[in-house]
PDB file of N, CA and C in Angstrom:
ATOM      1  N   MET A   1     127.047  -7.686 -93.291  1.00  0.00           N
ATOM      2  CA  MET A   1     126.582  -7.314 -94.613  1.00  0.00           C
ATOM      3  C   MET A   1     125.452  -8.258 -95.005  1.00  0.00           C
ATOM      4  N   LYS A   2     124.386  -7.697 -95.541  1.00  0.00           N
ATOM      5  CA  LYS A   2     123.240  -8.478 -95.998  1.00  0.00           C
ATOM      6  C   LYS A   2     123.068  -8.235 -97.491  1.00  0.00           C
ATOM      7  N   ILE A   3     122.667  -9.253 -98.212  1.00  0.00           N
ATOM      8  CA  ILE A   3     122.384  -9.124 -99.643  1.00  0.00           C
ATOM      9  C   ILE A   3     120.880  -9.199 -99.823  1.00  0.00           C
ATOM     10  N   VAL A   4     120.329  -8.235-100.547  1.00  0.00           N
ATOM     11  CA  VAL A   4     118.900  -8.222-100.860  1.00  0.00           C
ATOM     12  C   VAL A   4     118.754  -8.207-102.377  1.00  0.00           C
ATOM     13  N   THR A   5     117.582  -8.587-102.852  1.00  0.00           N
ATOM     14  CA  THR A   5     117.322  -8.683-104.281  1.00  0.00           C
ATOM     15  C   THR A   5     116.226  -7.688-104.667  1.00  0.00           C
ATOM     16  N   LEU A   6     116.393  -7.040-105.796  1.00  0.00           N
ATOM     17  CA  LEU A   6     115.360  -6.154-106.321  1.00  0.00           C
ATOM     18  C   LEU A   6     114.231  -6.986-106.913  1.00  0.00           C
ATOM     19  N   SER A   7     112.993  -6.610-106.615  1.00  0.00           N
ATOM     20  CA  SER A   7     111.843  -7.292-107.205  1.00  0.00           C
ATOM     21  C   SER A   7     111.619  -6.756-108.618  1.00  0.00           C
ATOM     22  N   SER A   8     110.647  -7.306-109.294  1.00  0.00           N
ATOM     23  CA  SER A   8     110.325  -6.837-110.657  1.00  0.00           C
ATOM     24  C   SER A   8     109.821  -5.395-110.640  1.00  0.00           C
ATOM     25  N   LYS A   9     109.400  -4.917-109.450  1.00  0.00           N
ATOM     26  CA  LYS A   9     108.945  -3.527-109.309  1.00  0.00           C
ATOM     27  C   LYS A   9     110.027  -2.643-108.697  1.00  0.00           C
ATOM     28  N   ASN A  10     111.275  -3.101-108.724  1.00  0.00           N
ATOM     29  CA  ASN A  10     112.419  -2.370-108.162  1.00  0.00           C
ATOM     30  C   ASN A  10     112.283  -2.122-106.667  1.00  0.00           C
ATOM     31  N   GLN A  11     111.668  -3.051-105.957  1.00  0.00           N
ATOM     32  CA  GLN A  11     111.509  -2.941-104.511  1.00  0.00           C
ATOM     33  C   GLN A  11     112.453  -3.914-103.831  1.00  0.00           C
ATOM     34  N   ILE A  12     112.831  -3.577-102.605  1.00  0.00           N
ATOM     35  CA  ILE A  12     113.651  -4.493-101.810  1.00  0.00           C
ATOM     36  C   ILE A  12     112.947  -4.751-100.485  1.00  0.00           C
ATOM     37  N   THR A  13     113.259  -5.883 -99.902  1.00  0.00           N
ATOM     38  CA  THR A  13     112.777  -6.202 -98.566  1.00  0.00           C
ATOM     39  C   THR A  13     113.982  -6.174 -97.654  1.00  0.00           C
ATOM     40  N   LEU A  14     113.911  -5.360 -96.625  1.00  0.00           N
ATOM     41  CA  LEU A  14     115.022  -5.263 -95.687  1.00  0.00           C
ATOM     42  C   LEU A  14     114.919  -6.361 -94.641  1.00  0.00           C
ATOM     43  N   PRO A  15     116.037  -6.942 -94.261  1.00  0.00           N
ATOM     44  CA  PRO A  15     116.016  -7.983 -93.236  1.00  0.00           C
ATOM     45  C   PRO A  15     115.436  -7.464 -91.920  1.00  0.00           C
ATOM     46  N   LYS A  16     114.693  -8.328 -91.266  1.00  0.00           N
ATOM     47  CA  LYS A  16     113.994  -7.987 -90.026  1.00  0.00           C
ATOM     48  C   LYS A  16     114.936  -7.417 -88.965  1.00  0.00           C
ATOM     49  N   GLU A  17     116.138  -8.004 -88.832  1.00  0.00           N
ATOM     50  CA  GLU A  17     117.067  -7.535 -87.805  1.00  0.00           C
ATOM     51  C   GLU A  17     117.555  -6.108 -88.073  1.00  0.00           C
ATOM     52  N   LEU A  18     117.642  -5.710 -89.349  1.00  0.00           N
ATOM     53  CA  LEU A  18     118.032  -4.328 -89.657  1.00  0.00           C
ATOM     54  C   LEU A  18     116.909  -3.353 -89.312  1.00  0.00           C
ATOM     55  N   LEU A  19     115.681  -3.758 -89.584  1.00  0.00           N
ATOM     56  CA  LEU A  19     114.541  -2.904 -89.237  1.00  0.00           C
ATOM     57  C   LEU A  19     114.441  -2.748 -87.723  1.00  0.00           C
ATOM     58  N   PHE A  20     114.669  -3.828 -87.006  1.00  0.00           N
ATOM     59  CA  PHE A  20     114.663  -3.780 -85.544  1.00  0.00           C
ATOM     60  C   PHE A  20     115.760  -2.830 -85.054  1.00  0.00           C
ATOM     61  N   TYR A  21     116.934  -2.929 -85.651  1.00  0.00           N
ATOM     62  CA  TYR A  21     118.061  -2.065 -85.293  1.00  0.00           C
ATOM     63  C   TYR A  21     117.716  -0.587 -85.500  1.00  0.00           C
ATOM     64  N   LEU A  22     116.980  -0.302 -86.588  1.00  0.00           N
ATOM     65  CA  LEU A  22     116.586   1.078 -86.883  1.00  0.00           C
ATOM     66  C   LEU A  22     115.356   1.520 -86.091  1.00  0.00           C
ATOM     67  N   GLY A  23     114.744   0.588 -85.383  1.00  0.00           N
ATOM     68  CA  GLY A  23     113.548   0.928 -84.606  1.00  0.00           C
ATOM     69  C   GLY A  23     112.318   1.110 -85.473  1.00  0.00           C
ATOM     70  N   LEU A  24     112.259   0.391 -86.583  1.00  0.00           N
ATOM     71  CA  LEU A  24     111.140   0.518 -87.512  1.00  0.00           C
ATOM     72  C   LEU A  24     110.262  -0.716 -87.474  1.00  0.00           C
ATOM     73  N   GLY A  25     108.975  -0.495 -87.654  1.00  0.00           N
ATOM     74  CA  GLY A  25     108.021  -1.586 -87.746  1.00  0.00           C
ATOM     75  C   GLY A  25     107.283  -1.491 -89.063  1.00  0.00           C
ATOM     76  N   ALA A  26     106.158  -2.188 -89.145  1.00  0.00           N
ATOM     77  CA  ALA A  26     105.339  -2.147 -90.351  1.00  0.00           C
ATOM     78  C   ALA A  26     104.960  -0.701 -90.667  1.00  0.00           C
ATOM     79  N   ARG A  27     105.014  -0.363 -91.920  1.00  0.00           N
ATOM     80  CA  ARG A  27     104.666   0.987 -92.423  1.00  0.00           C
ATOM     81  C   ARG A  27     105.639   2.055 -91.944  1.00  0.00           C
ATOM     82  N   GLY A  28     106.797   1.645 -91.423  1.00  0.00           N
ATOM     83  CA  GLY A  28     107.829   2.604 -91.030  1.00  0.00           C
ATOM     84  C   GLY A  28     108.327   3.357 -92.256  1.00  0.00           C
ATOM     85  N   ARG A  29     108.948   4.485 -92.032  1.00  0.00           N
ATOM     86  CA  ARG A  29     109.410   5.304 -93.145  1.00  0.00           C
ATOM     87  C   ARG A  29     110.907   5.529 -93.034  1.00  0.00           C
ATOM     88  N   LEU A  30     111.548   5.575 -94.187  1.00  0.00           N
ATOM     89  CA  LEU A  30     112.982   5.788 -94.266  1.00  0.00           C
ATOM     90  C   LEU A  30     113.285   6.994 -95.142  1.00  0.00           C
ATOM     91  N   ILE A  31     114.349   7.684 -94.809  1.00  0.00           N
ATOM     92  CA  ILE A  31     114.887   8.716 -95.681  1.00  0.00           C
ATOM     93  C   ILE A  31     116.004   8.035 -96.472  1.00  0.00           C
ATOM     94  N   VAL A  32     115.987   8.209 -97.783  1.00  0.00           N
ATOM     95  CA  VAL A  32     117.009   7.604 -98.635  1.00  0.00           C
ATOM     96  C   VAL A  32     117.859   8.724 -99.220  1.00  0.00           C
ATOM     97  N   GLU A  33     119.156   8.651 -98.955  1.00  0.00           N
ATOM     98  CA  GLU A  33     120.087   9.649 -99.476  1.00  0.00           C
ATOM     99  C   GLU A  33     121.055   8.979-100.432  1.00  0.00           C
ATOM    100  N   ASN A  34     121.501   9.753-101.396  1.00  0.00           N
ATOM    101  CA  ASN A  34     122.453   9.267-102.377  1.00  0.00           C
ATOM    102  C   ASN A  34     123.852   9.640-101.925  1.00  0.00           C
ATOM    103  N   GLY A  35     124.692   8.653-101.694  1.00  0.00           N
ATOM    104  CA  GLY A  35     126.080   8.885-101.323  1.00  0.00           C
ATOM    105  C   GLY A  35     126.986   8.474-102.468  1.00  0.00           C
ATOM    106  N   ASP A  36     128.260   8.565-102.290  1.00  0.00           N
ATOM    107  CA  ASP A  36     129.242   8.193-103.306  1.00  0.00           C
ATOM    108  C   ASP A  36     129.094   6.705-103.643  1.00  0.00           C
ATOM    109  N   GLN A  37     128.344   6.398-104.698  1.00  0.00           N
ATOM    110  CA  GLN A  37     128.085   5.032-105.145  1.00  0.00           C
ATOM    111  C   GLN A  37     127.423   4.163-104.073  1.00  0.00           C
ATOM    112  N   LYS A  38     126.618   4.786-103.199  1.00  0.00           N
ATOM    113  CA  LYS A  38     125.909   4.015-102.182  1.00  0.00           C
ATOM    114  C   LYS A  38     124.631   4.743-101.794  1.00  0.00           C
ATOM    115  N   LEU A  39     123.717   4.017-101.218  1.00  0.00           N
ATOM    116  CA  LEU A  39     122.489   4.594-100.684  1.00  0.00           C
ATOM    117  C   LEU A  39     122.590   4.587 -99.170  1.00  0.00           C
ATOM    118  N   ILE A  40     122.127   5.667 -98.566  1.00  0.00           N
ATOM    119  CA  ILE A  40     122.142   5.786 -97.111  1.00  0.00           C
ATOM    120  C   ILE A  40     120.688   5.811 -96.649  1.00  0.00           C
ATOM    121  N   LEU A  41     120.331   4.887 -95.775  1.00  0.00           N
ATOM    122  CA  LEU A  41     118.971   4.801 -95.245  1.00  0.00           C
ATOM    123  C   LEU A  41     118.965   5.292 -93.813  1.00  0.00           C
ATOM    124  N   LYS A  42     118.040   6.208 -93.517  1.00  0.00           N
ATOM    125  CA  LYS A  42     117.892   6.721 -92.161  1.00  0.00           C
ATOM    126  C   LYS A  42     116.423   6.622 -91.777  1.00  0.00           C
ATOM    127  N   PRO A  43     116.133   6.206 -90.559  1.00  0.00           N
ATOM    128  CA  PRO A  43     114.728   6.133 -90.145  1.00  0.00           C
ATOM    129  C   PRO A  43     114.131   7.529 -90.010  1.00  0.00           C
ATOM    130  N   LEU A  44     112.894   7.671 -90.454  1.00  0.00           N
ATOM    131  CA  LEU A  44     112.160   8.917 -90.278  1.00  0.00           C
ATOM    132  C   LEU A  44     111.263   8.709 -89.076  1.00  0.00           C
ATOM    133  N   LYS A  45     111.613   9.325 -87.989  1.00  0.00           N
ATOM    134  CA  LYS A  45     110.850   9.164 -86.749  1.00  0.00           C
ATOM    135  C   LYS A  45     109.523   9.897 -86.882  1.00  0.00           C
ATOM    136  N   THR A  46     108.516   9.404 -86.179  1.00  0.00           N
ATOM    137  CA  THR A  46     107.226  10.088 -86.208  1.00  0.00           C
ATOM    138  C   THR A  46     107.363  11.447 -85.538  1.00  0.00           C
ATOM    139  N   THR A  47     106.595  12.359 -85.993  1.00  0.00           N
ATOM    140  CA  THR A  47     106.654  13.713 -85.459  1.00  0.00           C
ATOM    141  C   THR A  47     105.658  13.888 -84.332  1.00  0.00           C
ATOM    142  N   ILE A  48     105.811  14.951 -83.616  1.00  0.00           N
ATOM    143  CA  ILE A  48     104.854  15.287 -82.555  1.00  0.00           C
ATOM    144  C   ILE A  48     103.468  15.501 -83.156  1.00  0.00           C
ATOM    145  N   VAL A  49     103.410  15.963 -84.401  1.00  0.00           N
ATOM    146  CA  VAL A  49     102.127  16.164 -85.083  1.00  0.00           C
ATOM    147  C   VAL A  49     101.429  14.816 -85.267  1.00  0.00           C
ATOM    148  N   ASP A  50     102.190  13.792 -85.700  1.00  0.00           N
ATOM    149  CA  ASP A  50     101.601  12.464 -85.858  1.00  0.00           C
ATOM    150  C   ASP A  50     101.126  11.915 -84.520  1.00  0.00           C
ATOM    151  N   GLN A  51     101.907  12.122 -83.492  1.00  0.00           N
ATOM    152  CA  GLN A  51     101.596  11.559 -82.189  1.00  0.00           C
ATOM    153  C   GLN A  51     100.396  12.231 -81.522  1.00  0.00           C
ATOM    154  N   THR A  52     100.168  13.492 -81.817  1.00  0.00           N
ATOM    155  CA  THR A  52      99.098  14.228 -81.132  1.00  0.00           C
ATOM    156  C   THR A  52      97.992  14.698 -82.068  1.00  0.00           C
ATOM    157  N   ALA A  53      97.955  14.194 -83.271  1.00  0.00           N
ATOM    158  CA  ALA A  53      97.030  14.700 -84.292  1.00  0.00           C
ATOM    159  C   ALA A  53      95.581  14.759 -83.820  1.00  0.00           C
ATOM    160  N   ASN A  54      95.095  13.712 -83.219  1.00  0.00           N
ATOM    161  CA  ASN A  54      93.683  13.701 -82.814  1.00  0.00           C
ATOM    162  C   ASN A  54      93.383  14.690 -81.700  1.00  0.00           C
ATOM    163  N   SER A  55      94.365  15.036 -80.900  1.00  0.00           N
ATOM    164  CA  SER A  55      94.101  15.965 -79.805  1.00  0.00           C
ATOM    165  C   SER A  55      94.122  17.422 -80.273  1.00  0.00           C
ATOM    166  N   LEU A  56      94.509  17.679 -81.509  1.00  0.00           N
ATOM    167  CA  LEU A  56      94.594  19.056 -82.006  1.00  0.00           C
ATOM    168  C   LEU A  56      93.258  19.608 -82.487  1.00  0.00           C
ATOM    169  N   THR A  57      92.295  18.744 -82.753  1.00  0.00           N
ATOM    170  CA  THR A  57      91.042  19.198 -83.359  1.00  0.00           C
ATOM    171  C   THR A  57      90.343  20.286 -82.545  1.00  0.00           C
ATOM    172  N   ARG A  58      90.421  20.217 -81.242  1.00  0.00           N
ATOM    173  CA  ARG A  58      89.718  21.224 -80.432  1.00  0.00           C
ATOM    174  C   ARG A  58      90.413  22.582 -80.442  1.00  0.00           C
ATOM    175  N   TYR A  59      91.679  22.630 -80.881  1.00  0.00           N
ATOM    176  CA  TYR A  59      92.439  23.882 -80.892  1.00  0.00           C
ATOM    177  C   TYR A  59      92.434  24.594 -82.246  1.00  0.00           C
ATOM    178  N   ILE A  60      91.960  23.915 -83.259  1.00  0.00           N
ATOM    179  CA  ILE A  60      92.010  24.483 -84.603  1.00  0.00           C
ATOM    180  C   ILE A  60      90.597  24.774 -85.070  1.00  0.00           C
ATOM    181  N   ASN A  61      90.365  26.023 -85.432  1.00  0.00           N
ATOM    182  CA  ASN A  61      89.070  26.431 -85.956  1.00  0.00           C
ATOM    183  C   ASN A  61      89.175  26.427 -87.476  1.00  0.00           C
ATOM    184  N   SER A  62      88.812  25.307 -88.088  1.00  0.00           N
ATOM    185  CA  SER A  62      88.985  25.160 -89.528  1.00  0.00           C
ATOM    186  C   SER A  62      88.099  26.113 -90.326  1.00  0.00           C
ATOM    187  N   SER A  63      86.954  26.534 -89.766  1.00  0.00           N
ATOM    188  CA  SER A  63      86.096  27.468 -90.495  1.00  0.00           C
ATOM    189  C   SER A  63      86.753  28.853 -90.592  1.00  0.00           C
ATOM    190  N   LYS A  64      87.482  29.248 -89.557  1.00  0.00           N
ATOM    191  CA  LYS A  64      88.213  30.522 -89.608  1.00  0.00           C
ATOM    192  C   LYS A  64      89.340  30.465 -90.629  1.00  0.00           C
ATOM    193  N   LEU A  65      89.987  29.337 -90.717  1.00  0.00           N
ATOM    194  CA  LEU A  65      91.105  29.179 -91.646  1.00  0.00           C
ATOM    195  C   LEU A  65      90.638  28.837 -93.061  1.00  0.00           C
ATOM    196  N   LYS A  66      89.360  28.560 -93.202  1.00  0.00           N
ATOM    197  CA  LYS A  66      88.744  28.225 -94.486  1.00  0.00           C
ATOM    198  C   LYS A  66      89.410  27.023 -95.142  1.00  0.00           C
ATOM    199  N   LYS A  67      89.795  26.058 -94.308  1.00  0.00           N
ATOM    200  CA  LYS A  67      90.374  24.795 -94.770  1.00  0.00           C
ATOM    201  C   LYS A  67      89.856  23.705 -93.857  1.00  0.00           C
ATOM    202  N   SER A  68      89.763  22.499 -94.392  1.00  0.00           N
ATOM    203  CA  SER A  68      89.343  21.385 -93.557  1.00  0.00           C
ATOM    204  C   SER A  68      90.484  21.015 -92.614  1.00  0.00           C
ATOM    205  N   PHE A  69      90.130  20.398 -91.495  1.00  0.00           N
ATOM    206  CA  PHE A  69      91.151  19.967 -90.546  1.00  0.00           C
ATOM    207  C   PHE A  69      92.101  18.980 -91.217  1.00  0.00           C
ATOM    208  N   LYS A  70      91.553  18.119 -92.058  1.00  0.00           N
ATOM    209  CA  LYS A  70      92.377  17.127 -92.755  1.00  0.00           C
ATOM    210  C   LYS A  70      93.445  17.812 -93.613  1.00  0.00           C
ATOM    211  N   LYS A  71      93.054  18.878 -94.302  1.00  0.00           N
ATOM    212  CA  LYS A  71      93.998  19.612 -95.151  1.00  0.00           C
ATOM    213  C   LYS A  71      95.048  20.335 -94.291  1.00  0.00           C
ATOM    214  N   ILE A  72      94.624  20.913 -93.197  1.00  0.00           N
ATOM    215  CA  ILE A  72      95.544  21.610 -92.286  1.00  0.00           C
ATOM    216  C   ILE A  72      96.569  20.620 -91.742  1.00  0.00           C
ATOM    217  N   LEU A  73      96.100  19.440 -91.321  1.00  0.00           N
ATOM    218  CA  LEU A  73      96.987  18.419 -90.785  1.00  0.00           C
ATOM    219  C   LEU A  73      97.970  17.935 -91.847  1.00  0.00           C
ATOM    220  N   LYS A  74      97.489  17.750 -93.074  1.00  0.00           N
ATOM    221  CA  LYS A  74      98.359  17.308 -94.171  1.00  0.00           C
ATOM    222  C   LYS A  74      99.466  18.334 -94.436  1.00  0.00           C
ATOM    223  N   GLU A  75      99.100  19.618 -94.467  1.00  0.00           N
ATOM    224  CA  GLU A  75     100.088  20.678 -94.689  1.00  0.00           C
ATOM    225  C   GLU A  75     101.094  20.737 -93.548  1.00  0.00           C
ATOM    226  N   THR A  76     100.610  20.571 -92.325  1.00  0.00           N
ATOM    227  CA  THR A  76     101.488  20.606 -91.153  1.00  0.00           C
ATOM    228  C   THR A  76     102.480  19.447 -91.187  1.00  0.00           C
ATOM    229  N   LYS A  77     101.993  18.251 -91.521  1.00  0.00           N
ATOM    230  CA  LYS A  77     102.875  17.086 -91.612  1.00  0.00           C
ATOM    231  C   LYS A  77     103.944  17.298 -92.683  1.00  0.00           C
ATOM    232  N   LYS A  78     103.534  17.854 -93.814  1.00  0.00           N
ATOM    233  CA  LYS A  78     104.475  18.084 -94.915  1.00  0.00           C
ATOM    234  C   LYS A  78     105.568  19.060 -94.504  1.00  0.00           C
ATOM    235  N   LYS A  79     105.169  20.154 -93.873  1.00  0.00           N
ATOM    236  CA  LYS A  79     106.144  21.156 -93.433  1.00  0.00           C
ATOM    237  C   LYS A  79     107.066  20.589 -92.348  1.00  0.00           C
ATOM    238  N   THR A  80     106.498  19.807 -91.433  1.00  0.00           N
ATOM    239  CA  THR A  80     107.292  19.215 -90.363  1.00  0.00           C
ATOM    240  C   THR A  80     108.296  18.212 -90.930  1.00  0.00           C
ATOM    241  N   ALA A  81     107.857  17.369 -91.854  1.00  0.00           N
ATOM    242  CA  ALA A  81     108.756  16.394 -92.472  1.00  0.00           C
ATOM    243  C   ALA A  81     109.888  17.099 -93.205  1.00  0.00           C
ATOM    244  N   TYR A  82     109.561  18.194 -93.893  1.00  0.00           N
ATOM    245  CA  TYR A  82     110.586  18.956 -94.608  1.00  0.00           C
ATOM    246  C   TYR A  82     111.619  19.514 -93.627  1.00  0.00           C
ATOM    247  N   ARG A  83     111.142  20.081 -92.520  1.00  0.00           N
ATOM    248  CA  ARG A  83     112.069  20.625 -91.518  1.00  0.00           C
ATOM    249  C   ARG A  83     112.939  19.523 -90.892  1.00  0.00           C
ATOM    250  N   LEU A  84     112.335  18.380 -90.604  1.00  0.00           N
ATOM    251  CA  LEU A  84     113.100  17.264 -90.037  1.00  0.00           C
ATOM    252  C   LEU A  84     114.149  16.771 -91.021  1.00  0.00           C
ATOM    253  N   ALA A  85     113.780  16.625 -92.275  1.00  0.00           N
ATOM    254  CA  ALA A  85     114.722  16.151 -93.283  1.00  0.00           C
ATOM    255  C   ALA A  85     115.865  17.153 -93.483  1.00  0.00           C
ATOM    256  N   LYS A  86     115.554  18.423 -93.389  1.00  0.00           N
ATOM    257  CA  LYS A  86     116.564  19.474 -93.553  1.00  0.00           C
ATOM    258  C   LYS A  86     117.593  19.450 -92.425  1.00  0.00           C
ATOM    259  N   ASN A  87     117.157  19.043 -91.236  1.00  0.00           N
ATOM    260  CA  ASN A  87     118.037  19.050 -90.065  1.00  0.00           C
ATOM    261  C   ASN A  87     118.839  17.775 -89.892  1.00  0.00           C
ATOM    262  N   LEU A  88     118.618  16.775 -90.741  1.00  0.00           N
ATOM    263  CA  LEU A  88     119.352  15.506 -90.594  1.00  0.00           C
ATOM    264  C   LEU A  88     120.742  15.602 -91.152  1.00  0.00           C
TER     265      LEU A  88
END
């Protein structure tokens, strides 16, 4: 059991060994769920979209879709994150 303190901005710093255990590094992301009088933290793994984002540019014709590649990628990440969170 580890004790952490809330900052003046209601932020906490997680101990390094817990982040290592979860496989998270700097800028890692967590899913926070509300349990019976407790919070449940789960690591949000990077998606295949994040891992291959730069290689997708040649496959997407943004002028046909009438959206910028950046906007298409943002929408794809959002939908993928939603699907991943739904399946946890």
